[in-house]
Amino acid sequence: MREPISRFLRFWNRREQYRRCFCDERGKLTPAGEAVLADLAQFCRANQSTVITSPVQRTIDPLATMIAEGRREVFVRLIQILGMEDAALNSLKDEAPE
C-alpha cells in the first residue's frame, strides 16, 4: 500500500504547485494565469494541427512537426494537471503498485 500513497502524494503536490502558479485560492485561473495559458496555447499550437509544411519544398517537415507536437504535449500536460479532480487523485491510492 505504500507505493500508491507515495504516487498519490506526488501527484497531489504537483497539482497544488501548478495551481499556485496559475490559480487563486478558490482554484479559478487568475488573470495572469489566463494570459500565460493563452500565450502558451498559441505557441504550443494547442488548437491547431501540429503538422508543419516546409515553405521551400511544400512538403511535410517531419522535424518541425515533431517539435510542434512536443510543444503541444507540454501544454496538454499542464492543462491536465491543472484540471485534475480530487476523485482522480484519490483513485491513485487504490491502485496496485506499478
PDB file of N, CA and C in Angstrom:
ATOM      1  N   MET A   1       0.827  -1.206   0.000  1.00  0.00           N
ATOM      2  CA  MET A   1       0.000   0.000   0.000  1.00  0.00           C
ATOM      3  C   MET A   1       0.862   1.257   0.000  1.00  0.00           C
ATOM      4  N   ARG A   2       2.112   1.117   0.293  1.00  0.00           N
ATOM      5  CA  ARG A   2       2.987   2.277   0.401  1.00  0.00           C
ATOM      6  C   ARG A   2       3.169   2.998  -0.934  1.00  0.00           C
ATOM      7  N   GLU A   3       3.373   2.248  -2.000  1.00  0.00           N
ATOM      8  CA  GLU A   3       3.616   2.857  -3.314  1.00  0.00           C
ATOM      9  C   GLU A   3       2.434   3.697  -3.797  1.00  0.00           C
ATOM     10  N   PRO A   4       1.174   3.210  -3.738  1.00  0.00           N
ATOM     11  CA  PRO A   4       0.058   4.056  -4.186  1.00  0.00           C
ATOM     12  C   PRO A   4      -0.055   5.361  -3.405  1.00  0.00           C
ATOM     13  N   ILE A   5       0.210   5.327  -2.097  1.00  0.00           N
ATOM     14  CA  ILE A   5       0.146   6.559  -1.299  1.00  0.00           C
ATOM     15  C   ILE A   5       1.237   7.519  -1.750  1.00  0.00           C
ATOM     16  N   SER A   6       2.420   6.996  -1.985  1.00  0.00           N
ATOM     17  CA  SER A   6       3.532   7.821  -2.455  1.00  0.00           C
ATOM     18  C   SER A   6       3.198   8.453  -3.808  1.00  0.00           C
ATOM     19  N   ARG A   7       2.616   7.667  -4.688  1.00  0.00           N
ATOM     20  CA  ARG A   7       2.227   8.174  -6.012  1.00  0.00           C
ATOM     21  C   ARG A   7       1.141   9.242  -5.864  1.00  0.00           C
ATOM     22  N   PHE A   8       0.171   8.975  -4.999  1.00  0.00           N
ATOM     23  CA  PHE A   8      -0.894   9.936  -4.732  1.00  0.00           C
ATOM     24  C   PHE A   8      -0.306  11.264  -4.262  1.00  0.00           C
ATOM     25  N   LEU A   9       0.591  11.216  -3.299  1.00  0.00           N
ATOM     26  CA  LEU A   9       1.187  12.446  -2.765  1.00  0.00           C
ATOM     27  C   LEU A   9       2.000  13.182  -3.819  1.00  0.00           C
ATOM     28  N   ARG A  10       2.696  12.446  -4.649  1.00  0.00           N
ATOM     29  CA  ARG A  10       3.486  13.063  -5.718  1.00  0.00           C
ATOM     30  C   ARG A  10       2.577  13.845  -6.672  1.00  0.00           C
ATOM     31  N   PHE A  11       1.470  13.221  -7.092  1.00  0.00           N
ATOM     32  CA  PHE A  11       0.543  13.895  -7.999  1.00  0.00           C
ATOM     33  C   PHE A  11      -0.193  15.029  -7.301  1.00  0.00           C
ATOM     34  N   TRP A  12      -0.587  14.828  -6.045  1.00  0.00           N
ATOM     35  CA  TRP A  12      -1.281  15.877  -5.281  1.00  0.00           C
ATOM     36  C   TRP A  12      -0.403  17.114  -5.171  1.00  0.00           C
ATOM     37  N   ASN A  13       0.845  16.912  -4.762  1.00  0.00           N
ATOM     38  CA  ASN A  13       1.773  18.036  -4.618  1.00  0.00           C
ATOM     39  C   ASN A  13       2.017  18.735  -5.946  1.00  0.00           C
ATOM     40  N   ARG A  14       2.164  17.961  -7.008  1.00  0.00           N
ATOM     41  CA  ARG A  14       2.391  18.550  -8.328  1.00  0.00           C
ATOM     42  C   ARG A  14       1.203  19.413  -8.734  1.00  0.00           C
ATOM     43  N   ARG A  15      -0.018  18.904  -8.549  1.00  0.00           N
ATOM     44  CA  ARG A  15      -1.210  19.676  -8.904  1.00  0.00           C
ATOM     45  C   ARG A  15      -1.272  20.965  -8.098  1.00  0.00           C
ATOM     46  N   GLU A  16      -0.994  20.881  -6.808  1.00  0.00           N
ATOM     47  CA  GLU A  16      -1.045  22.072  -5.966  1.00  0.00           C
ATOM     48  C   GLU A  16       0.005  23.095  -6.382  1.00  0.00           C
ATOM     49  N   GLN A  17       1.175  22.644  -6.756  1.00  0.00           N
ATOM     50  CA  GLN A  17       2.222  23.565  -7.214  1.00  0.00           C
ATOM     51  C   GLN A  17       1.804  24.267  -8.503  1.00  0.00           C
ATOM     52  N   TYR A  18       1.233  23.531  -9.441  1.00  0.00           N
ATOM     53  CA  TYR A  18       0.766  24.136 -10.688  1.00  0.00           C
ATOM     54  C   TYR A  18      -0.346  25.139 -10.393  1.00  0.00           C
ATOM     55  N   ARG A  19      -1.265  24.747  -9.527  1.00  0.00           N
ATOM     56  CA  ARG A  19      -2.382  25.643  -9.216  1.00  0.00           C
ATOM     57  C   ARG A  19      -1.921  26.918  -8.514  1.00  0.00           C
ATOM     58  N   ARG A  20      -0.910  26.820  -7.678  1.00  0.00           N
ATOM     59  CA  ARG A  20      -0.391  28.028  -7.025  1.00  0.00           C
ATOM     60  C   ARG A  20       0.166  29.009  -8.045  1.00  0.00           C
ATOM     61  N   CYS A  21       0.688  28.492  -9.136  1.00  0.00           N
ATOM     62  CA  CYS A  21       1.235  29.362 -10.191  1.00  0.00           C
ATOM     63  C   CYS A  21       0.135  30.030 -11.014  1.00  0.00           C
ATOM     64  N   PHE A  22      -0.971  29.328 -11.253  1.00  0.00           N
ATOM     65  CA  PHE A  22      -1.970  29.798 -12.208  1.00  0.00           C
ATOM     66  C   PHE A  22      -3.321  30.177 -11.613  1.00  0.00           C
ATOM     67  N   CYS A  23      -3.613  29.742 -10.397  1.00  0.00           N
ATOM     68  CA  CYS A  23      -4.966  29.895  -9.859  1.00  0.00           C
ATOM     69  C   CYS A  23      -4.990  30.696  -8.560  1.00  0.00           C
ATOM     70  N   ASP A  24      -6.191  31.202  -8.244  1.00  0.00           N
ATOM     71  CA  ASP A  24      -6.379  31.890  -6.966  1.00  0.00           C
ATOM     72  C   ASP A  24      -6.742  30.867  -5.883  1.00  0.00           C
ATOM     73  N   GLU A  25      -7.108  31.350  -4.696  1.00  0.00           N
ATOM     74  CA  GLU A  25      -7.407  30.468  -3.563  1.00  0.00           C
ATOM     75  C   GLU A  25      -8.619  29.576  -3.809  1.00  0.00           C
ATOM     76  N   ARG A  26      -9.528  30.012  -4.678  1.00  0.00           N
ATOM     77  CA  ARG A  26     -10.729  29.223  -4.988  1.00  0.00           C
ATOM     78  C   ARG A  26     -10.498  28.217  -6.102  1.00  0.00           C
ATOM     79  N   GLY A  27      -9.298  28.224  -6.676  1.00  0.00           N
ATOM     80  CA  GLY A  27      -8.988  27.291  -7.755  1.00  0.00           C
ATOM     81  C   GLY A  27      -9.322  27.815  -9.140  1.00  0.00           C
ATOM     82  N   LYS A  28      -9.693  29.085  -9.236  1.00  0.00           N
ATOM     83  CA  LYS A  28     -10.008  29.698 -10.530  1.00  0.00           C
ATOM     84  C   LYS A  28      -8.749  30.341 -11.097  1.00  0.00           C
ATOM     85  N   LEU A  29      -8.625  30.299 -12.421  1.00  0.00           N
ATOM     86  CA  LEU A  29      -7.463  30.923 -13.055  1.00  0.00           C
ATOM     87  C   LEU A  29      -7.406  32.409 -12.730  1.00  0.00           C
ATOM     88  N   THR A  30      -6.228  32.881 -12.420  1.00  0.00           N
ATOM     89  CA  THR A  30      -6.025  34.314 -12.218  1.00  0.00           C
ATOM     90  C   THR A  30      -5.942  34.976 -13.592  1.00  0.00           C
ATOM     91  N   PRO A  31      -6.104  36.296 -13.669  1.00  0.00           N
ATOM     92  CA  PRO A  31      -5.925  36.973 -14.958  1.00  0.00           C
ATOM     93  C   PRO A  31      -4.537  36.698 -15.557  1.00  0.00           C
ATOM     94  N   ALA A  32      -3.512  36.694 -14.717  1.00  0.00           N
ATOM     95  CA  ALA A  32      -2.165  36.393 -15.218  1.00  0.00           C
ATOM     96  C   ALA A  32      -2.087  34.948 -15.703  1.00  0.00           C
ATOM     97  N   GLY A  33      -2.707  34.033 -14.966  1.00  0.00           N
ATOM     98  CA  GLY A  33      -2.728  32.628 -15.380  1.00  0.00           C
ATOM     99  C   GLY A  33      -3.417  32.449 -16.715  1.00  0.00           C
ATOM    100  N   GLU A  34      -4.543  33.148 -16.902  1.00  0.00           N
ATOM    101  CA  GLU A  34      -5.258  33.088 -18.182  1.00  0.00           C
ATOM    102  C   GLU A  34      -4.397  33.622 -19.316  1.00  0.00           C
ATOM    103  N   ALA A  35      -3.704  34.725 -19.066  1.00  0.00           N
ATOM    104  CA  ALA A  35      -2.860  35.324 -20.103  1.00  0.00           C
ATOM    105  C   ALA A  35      -1.714  34.390 -20.484  1.00  0.00           C
ATOM    106  N   VAL A  36      -1.087  33.783 -19.487  1.00  0.00           N
ATOM    107  CA  VAL A  36       0.028  32.868 -19.768  1.00  0.00           C
ATOM    108  C   VAL A  36      -0.470  31.645 -20.529  1.00  0.00           C
ATOM    109  N   LEU A  37      -1.597  31.064 -20.099  1.00  0.00           N
ATOM    110  CA  LEU A  37      -2.125  29.895 -20.796  1.00  0.00           C
ATOM    111  C   LEU A  37      -2.546  30.233 -22.222  1.00  0.00           C
ATOM    112  N   ALA A  38      -3.101  31.413 -22.441  1.00  0.00           N
ATOM    113  CA  ALA A  38      -3.474  31.825 -23.798  1.00  0.00           C
ATOM    114  C   ALA A  38      -2.234  31.951 -24.677  1.00  0.00           C
ATOM    115  N   ASP A  39      -1.175  32.537 -24.130  1.00  0.00           N
ATOM    116  CA  ASP A  39       0.074  32.658 -24.878  1.00  0.00           C
ATOM    117  C   ASP A  39       0.658  31.281 -25.184  1.00  0.00           C
ATOM    118  N   LEU A  40       0.672  30.405 -24.183  1.00  0.00           N
ATOM    119  CA  LEU A  40       1.203  29.056 -24.397  1.00  0.00           C
ATOM    120  C   LEU A  40       0.349  28.265 -25.383  1.00  0.00           C
ATOM    121  N   ALA A  41      -0.969  28.447 -25.334  1.00  0.00           N
ATOM    122  CA  ALA A  41      -1.844  27.745 -26.274  1.00  0.00           C
ATOM    123  C   ALA A  41      -1.493  28.112 -27.707  1.00  0.00           C
ATOM    124  N   GLN A  42      -1.214  29.380 -27.941  1.00  0.00           N
ATOM    125  CA  GLN A  42      -0.836  29.806 -29.286  1.00  0.00           C
ATOM    126  C   GLN A  42       0.540  29.257 -29.658  1.00  0.00           C
ATOM    127  N   PHE A  43       1.516  29.419 -28.776  1.00  0.00           N
ATOM    128  CA  PHE A  43       2.878  28.965 -29.045  1.00  0.00           C
ATOM    129  C   PHE A  43       2.947  27.449 -29.228  1.00  0.00           C
ATOM    130  N   CYS A  44       2.145  26.719 -28.449  1.00  0.00           N
ATOM    131  CA  CYS A  44       2.176  25.252 -28.477  1.00  0.00           C
ATOM    132  C   CYS A  44       1.219  24.655 -29.506  1.00  0.00           C
ATOM    133  N   ARG A  45       0.558  25.514 -30.274  1.00  0.00           N
ATOM    134  CA  ARG A  45      -0.380  25.052 -31.305  1.00  0.00           C
ATOM    135  C   ARG A  45      -1.451  24.147 -30.698  1.00  0.00           C
ATOM    136  N   ALA A  46      -1.970  24.558 -29.556  1.00  0.00           N
ATOM    137  CA  ALA A  46      -2.933  23.736 -28.826  1.00  0.00           C
ATOM    138  C   ALA A  46      -4.242  23.551 -29.585  1.00  0.00           C
ATOM    139  N   ASN A  47      -4.618  24.516 -30.404  1.00  0.00           N
ATOM    140  CA  ASN A  47      -5.915  24.472 -31.087  1.00  0.00           C
ATOM    141  C   ASN A  47      -5.791  24.391 -32.597  1.00  0.00           C
ATOM    142  N   GLN A  48      -4.654  23.901 -33.043  1.00  0.00           N
ATOM    143  CA  GLN A  48      -4.468  23.741 -34.487  1.00  0.00           C
ATOM    144  C   GLN A  48      -3.591  22.528 -34.747  1.00  0.00           C
ATOM    145  N   SER A  49      -3.508  22.150 -35.985  1.00  0.00           N
ATOM    146  CA  SER A  49      -2.695  20.992 -36.354  1.00  0.00           C
ATOM    147  C   SER A  49      -1.225  21.258 -36.062  1.00  0.00           C
ATOM    148  N   THR A  50      -0.526  20.206 -35.670  1.00  0.00           N
ATOM    149  CA  THR A  50       0.914  20.333 -35.445  1.00  0.00           C
ATOM    150  C   THR A  50       1.711  19.922 -36.678  1.00  0.00           C
ATOM    151  N   VAL A  51       1.029  19.579 -37.745  1.00  0.00           N
ATOM    152  CA  VAL A  51       1.723  19.227 -38.988  1.00  0.00           C
ATOM    153  C   VAL A  51       2.248  20.512 -39.620  1.00  0.00           C
ATOM    154  N   ILE A  52       3.556  20.561 -39.834  1.00  0.00           N
ATOM    155  CA  ILE A  52       4.211  21.744 -40.383  1.00  0.00           C
ATOM    156  C   ILE A  52       4.671  21.437 -41.803  1.00  0.00           C
ATOM    157  N   THR A  53       4.335  22.328 -42.713  1.00  0.00           N
ATOM    158  CA  THR A  53       4.754  22.190 -44.106  1.00  0.00           C
ATOM    159  C   THR A  53       5.941  23.102 -44.364  1.00  0.00           C
ATOM    160  N   SER A  54       6.942  22.564 -45.026  1.00  0.00           N
ATOM    161  CA  SER A  54       8.121  23.354 -45.378  1.00  0.00           C
ATOM    162  C   SER A  54       7.730  24.413 -46.397  1.00  0.00           C
ATOM    163  N   PRO A  55       8.057  25.678 -46.149  1.00  0.00           N
ATOM    164  CA  PRO A  55       7.706  26.720 -47.111  1.00  0.00           C
ATOM    165  C   PRO A  55       8.506  26.608 -48.407  1.00  0.00           C
ATOM    166  N   VAL A  56       9.659  25.959 -48.357  1.00  0.00           N
ATOM    167  CA  VAL A  56      10.509  25.830 -49.543  1.00  0.00           C
ATOM    168  C   VAL A  56      10.086  24.643 -50.389  1.00  0.00           C
ATOM    169  N   GLN A  57      10.007  23.458 -49.773  1.00  0.00           N
ATOM    170  CA  GLN A  57       9.709  22.238 -50.522  1.00  0.00           C
ATOM    171  C   GLN A  57       8.215  21.953 -50.650  1.00  0.00           C
ATOM    172  N   ARG A  58       7.406  22.639 -49.873  1.00  0.00           N
ATOM    173  CA  ARG A  58       5.953  22.438 -49.885  1.00  0.00           C
ATOM    174  C   ARG A  58       5.563  20.995 -49.539  1.00  0.00           C
ATOM    175  N   THR A  59       6.347  20.367 -48.668  1.00  0.00           N
ATOM    176  CA  THR A  59       6.040  19.029 -48.169  1.00  0.00           C
ATOM    177  C   THR A  59       6.049  19.088 -46.642  1.00  0.00           C
ATOM    178  N   ILE A  60       5.530  18.045 -46.034  1.00  0.00           N
ATOM    179  CA  ILE A  60       5.522  17.996 -44.571  1.00  0.00           C
ATOM    180  C   ILE A  60       6.955  17.917 -44.065  1.00  0.00           C
ATOM    181  N   ASP A  61       7.261  18.778 -43.113  1.00  0.00           N
ATOM    182  CA  ASP A  61       8.582  18.786 -42.479  1.00  0.00           C
ATOM    183  C   ASP A  61       8.471  17.951 -41.204  1.00  0.00           C
ATOM    184  N   PRO A  62       9.008  16.716 -41.214  1.00  0.00           N
ATOM    185  CA  PRO A  62       8.822  15.840 -40.057  1.00  0.00           C
ATOM    186  C   PRO A  62       9.495  16.361 -38.784  1.00  0.00           C
ATOM    187  N   LEU A  63      10.637  17.010 -38.897  1.00  0.00           N
ATOM    188  CA  LEU A  63      11.314  17.519 -37.703  1.00  0.00           C
ATOM    189  C   LEU A  63      10.532  18.672 -37.072  1.00  0.00           C
ATOM    190  N   ALA A  64      10.105  19.610 -37.889  1.00  0.00           N
ATOM    191  CA  ALA A  64       9.311  20.732 -37.373  1.00  0.00           C
ATOM    192  C   ALA A  64       7.982  20.232 -36.800  1.00  0.00           C
ATOM    193  N   THR A  65       7.406  19.216 -37.436  1.00  0.00           N
ATOM    194  CA  THR A  65       6.157  18.636 -36.948  1.00  0.00           C
ATOM    195  C   THR A  65       6.354  18.005 -35.576  1.00  0.00           C
ATOM    196  N   MET A  66       7.447  17.295 -35.393  1.00  0.00           N
ATOM    197  CA  MET A  66       7.710  16.659 -34.097  1.00  0.00           C
ATOM    198  C   MET A  66       7.991  17.698 -33.008  1.00  0.00           C
ATOM    199  N   ILE A  67       8.666  18.775 -33.375  1.00  0.00           N
ATOM    200  CA  ILE A  67       8.886  19.864 -32.414  1.00  0.00           C
ATOM    201  C   ILE A  67       7.538  20.456 -31.993  1.00  0.00           C
ATOM    202  N   ALA A  68       6.669  20.704 -32.962  1.00  0.00           N
ATOM    203  CA  ALA A  68       5.345  21.262 -32.657  1.00  0.00           C
ATOM    204  C   ALA A  68       4.534  20.297 -31.795  1.00  0.00           C
ATOM    205  N   GLU A  69       4.624  19.006 -32.077  1.00  0.00           N
ATOM    206  CA  GLU A  69       3.889  18.020 -31.281  1.00  0.00           C
ATOM    207  C   GLU A  69       4.433  17.958 -29.855  1.00  0.00           C
ATOM    208  N   GLY A  70       5.738  18.112 -29.695  1.00  0.00           N
ATOM    209  CA  GLY A  70       6.332  18.154 -28.356  1.00  0.00           C
ATOM    210  C   GLY A  70       5.836  19.351 -27.566  1.00  0.00           C
ATOM    211  N   ARG A  71       5.726  20.488 -28.234  1.00  0.00           N
ATOM    212  CA  ARG A  71       5.188  21.678 -27.561  1.00  0.00           C
ATOM    213  C   ARG A  71       3.754  21.434 -27.109  1.00  0.00           C
ATOM    214  N   ARG A  72       2.969  20.841 -27.994  1.00  0.00           N
ATOM    215  CA  ARG A  72       1.572  20.569 -27.656  1.00  0.00           C
ATOM    216  C   ARG A  72       1.483  19.607 -26.474  1.00  0.00           C
ATOM    217  N   GLU A  73       2.358  18.608 -26.449  1.00  0.00           N
ATOM    218  CA  GLU A  73       2.347  17.635 -25.356  1.00  0.00           C
ATOM    219  C   GLU A  73       2.559  18.323 -24.002  1.00  0.00           C
ATOM    220  N   VAL A  74       3.462  19.284 -23.964  1.00  0.00           N
ATOM    221  CA  VAL A  74       3.713  20.026 -22.723  1.00  0.00           C
ATOM    222  C   VAL A  74       2.465  20.813 -22.318  1.00  0.00           C
ATOM    223  N   PHE A  75       1.816  21.460 -23.276  1.00  0.00           N
ATOM    224  CA  PHE A  75       0.614  22.234 -22.977  1.00  0.00           C
ATOM    225  C   PHE A  75      -0.497  21.327 -22.452  1.00  0.00           C
ATOM    226  N   VAL A  76      -0.690  20.185 -23.098  1.00  0.00           N
ATOM    227  CA  VAL A  76      -1.729  19.245 -22.671  1.00  0.00           C
ATOM    228  C   VAL A  76      -1.459  18.762 -21.246  1.00  0.00           C
ATOM    229  N   ARG A  77      -0.198  18.475 -20.938  1.00  0.00           N
ATOM    230  CA  ARG A  77       0.153  18.048 -19.572  1.00  0.00           C
ATOM    231  C   ARG A  77      -0.204  19.132 -18.556  1.00  0.00           C
ATOM    232  N   LEU A  78       0.118  20.354 -18.868  1.00  0.00           N
ATOM    233  CA  LEU A  78      -0.175  21.475 -17.978  1.00  0.00           C
ATOM    234  C   LEU A  78      -1.675  21.571 -17.714  1.00  0.00           C
ATOM    235  N   ILE A  79      -2.467  21.509 -18.764  1.00  0.00           N
ATOM    236  CA  ILE A  79      -3.924  21.600 -18.633  1.00  0.00           C
ATOM    237  C   ILE A  79      -4.474  20.407 -17.854  1.00  0.00           C
ATOM    238  N   GLN A  80      -3.951  19.216 -18.125  1.00  0.00           N
ATOM    239  CA  GLN A  80      -4.429  18.029 -17.409  1.00  0.00           C
ATOM    240  C   GLN A  80      -4.139  18.122 -15.915  1.00  0.00           C
ATOM    241  N   ILE A  81      -2.953  18.563 -15.565  1.00  0.00           N
ATOM    242  CA  ILE A  81      -2.603  18.660 -14.143  1.00  0.00           C
ATOM    243  C   ILE A  81      -3.438  19.735 -13.455  1.00  0.00           C
ATOM    244  N   LEU A  82      -3.610  20.882 -14.103  1.00  0.00           N
ATOM    245  CA  LEU A  82      -4.429  21.946 -13.506  1.00  0.00           C
ATOM    246  C   LEU A  82      -5.868  21.490 -13.283  1.00  0.00           C
ATOM    247  N   GLY A  83      -6.391  20.674 -14.174  1.00  0.00           N
ATOM    248  CA  GLY A  83      -7.787  20.253 -14.096  1.00  0.00           C
ATOM    249  C   GLY A  83      -8.027  18.939 -13.386  1.00  0.00           C
ATOM    250  N   MET A  84      -6.975  18.330 -12.835  1.00  0.00           N
ATOM    251  CA  MET A  84      -7.125  17.030 -12.196  1.00  0.00           C
ATOM    252  C   MET A  84      -8.055  17.132 -10.984  1.00  0.00           C
ATOM    253  N   GLU A  85      -9.081  16.314 -10.988  1.00  0.00           N
ATOM    254  CA  GLU A  85     -10.078  16.308  -9.909  1.00  0.00           C
ATOM    255  C   GLU A  85      -9.582  15.499  -8.712  1.00  0.00           C
ATOM    256  N   ASP A  86     -10.123  15.811  -7.534  1.00  0.00           N
ATOM    257  CA  ASP A  86      -9.762  15.072  -6.328  1.00  0.00           C
ATOM    258  C   ASP A  86     -10.067  13.583  -6.470  1.00  0.00           C
ATOM    259  N   ALA A  87     -11.186  13.247  -7.115  1.00  0.00           N
ATOM    260  CA  ALA A  87     -11.559  11.836  -7.268  1.00  0.00           C
ATOM    261  C   ALA A  87     -10.502  11.072  -8.059  1.00  0.00           C
ATOM    262  N   ALA A  88      -9.954  11.708  -9.087  1.00  0.00           N
ATOM    263  CA  ALA A  88      -8.901  11.054  -9.875  1.00  0.00           C
ATOM    264  C   ALA A  88      -7.657  10.839  -9.027  1.00  0.00           C
ATOM    265  N   LEU A  89      -7.331  11.821  -8.212  1.00  0.00           N
ATOM    266  CA  LEU A  89      -6.175  11.675  -7.323  1.00  0.00           C
ATOM    267  C   LEU A  89      -6.422  10.585  -6.284  1.00  0.00           C
ATOM    268  N   ASN A  90      -7.607  10.561  -5.710  1.00  0.00           N
ATOM    269  CA  ASN A  90      -7.918   9.549  -4.695  1.00  0.00           C
ATOM    270  C   ASN A  90      -7.868   8.142  -5.260  1.00  0.00           C
ATOM    271  N   SER A  91      -8.200   7.982  -6.530  1.00  0.00           N
ATOM    272  CA  SER A  91      -8.150   6.648  -7.135  1.00  0.00           C
ATOM    273  C   SER A  91      -6.722   6.120  -7.200  1.00  0.00           C
ATOM    274  N   LEU A  92      -5.734   7.009  -7.165  1.00  0.00           N
ATOM    275  CA  LEU A  92      -4.339   6.565  -7.181  1.00  0.00           C
ATOM    276  C   LEU A  92      -4.000   5.784  -5.913  1.00  0.00           C
ATOM    277  N   LYS A  93      -4.682   6.097  -4.808  1.00  0.00           N
ATOM    278  CA  LYS A  93      -4.425   5.387  -3.552  1.00  0.00           C
ATOM    279  C   LYS A  93      -4.878   3.936  -3.632  1.00  0.00           C
ATOM    280  N   ASP A  94      -5.872   3.668  -4.484  1.00  0.00           N
ATOM    281  CA  ASP A  94      -6.448   2.326  -4.573  1.00  0.00           C
ATOM    282  C   ASP A  94      -5.776   1.449  -5.617  1.00  0.00           C
ATOM    283  N   GLU A  95      -4.899   2.033  -6.427  1.00  0.00           N
ATOM    284  CA  GLU A  95      -4.254   1.261  -7.487  1.00  0.00           C
ATOM    285  C   GLU A  95      -3.207   0.320  -6.920  1.00  0.00           C
ATOM    286  N   ALA A  96      -3.025  -0.774  -7.621  1.00  0.00           N
ATOM    287  CA  ALA A  96      -1.950  -1.705  -7.260  1.00  0.00           C
ATOM    288  C   ALA A  96      -0.617  -1.064  -7.608  1.00  0.00           C
ATOM    289  N   PRO A  97       0.440  -1.423  -6.904  1.00  0.00           N
ATOM    290  CA  PRO A  97       1.763  -0.867  -7.226  1.00  0.00           C
ATOM    291  C   PRO A  97       2.147  -1.163  -8.664  1.00  0.00           C
ATOM    292  N   GLU A  98       2.895  -0.240  -9.246  1.00  0.00           N
ATOM    293  CA  GLU A  98       3.322  -0.400 -10.644  1.00  0.00           C
ATOM    294  C   GLU A  98       4.406  -1.438 -10.762  1.00  0.00           C
TER     295      GLU A  98
END
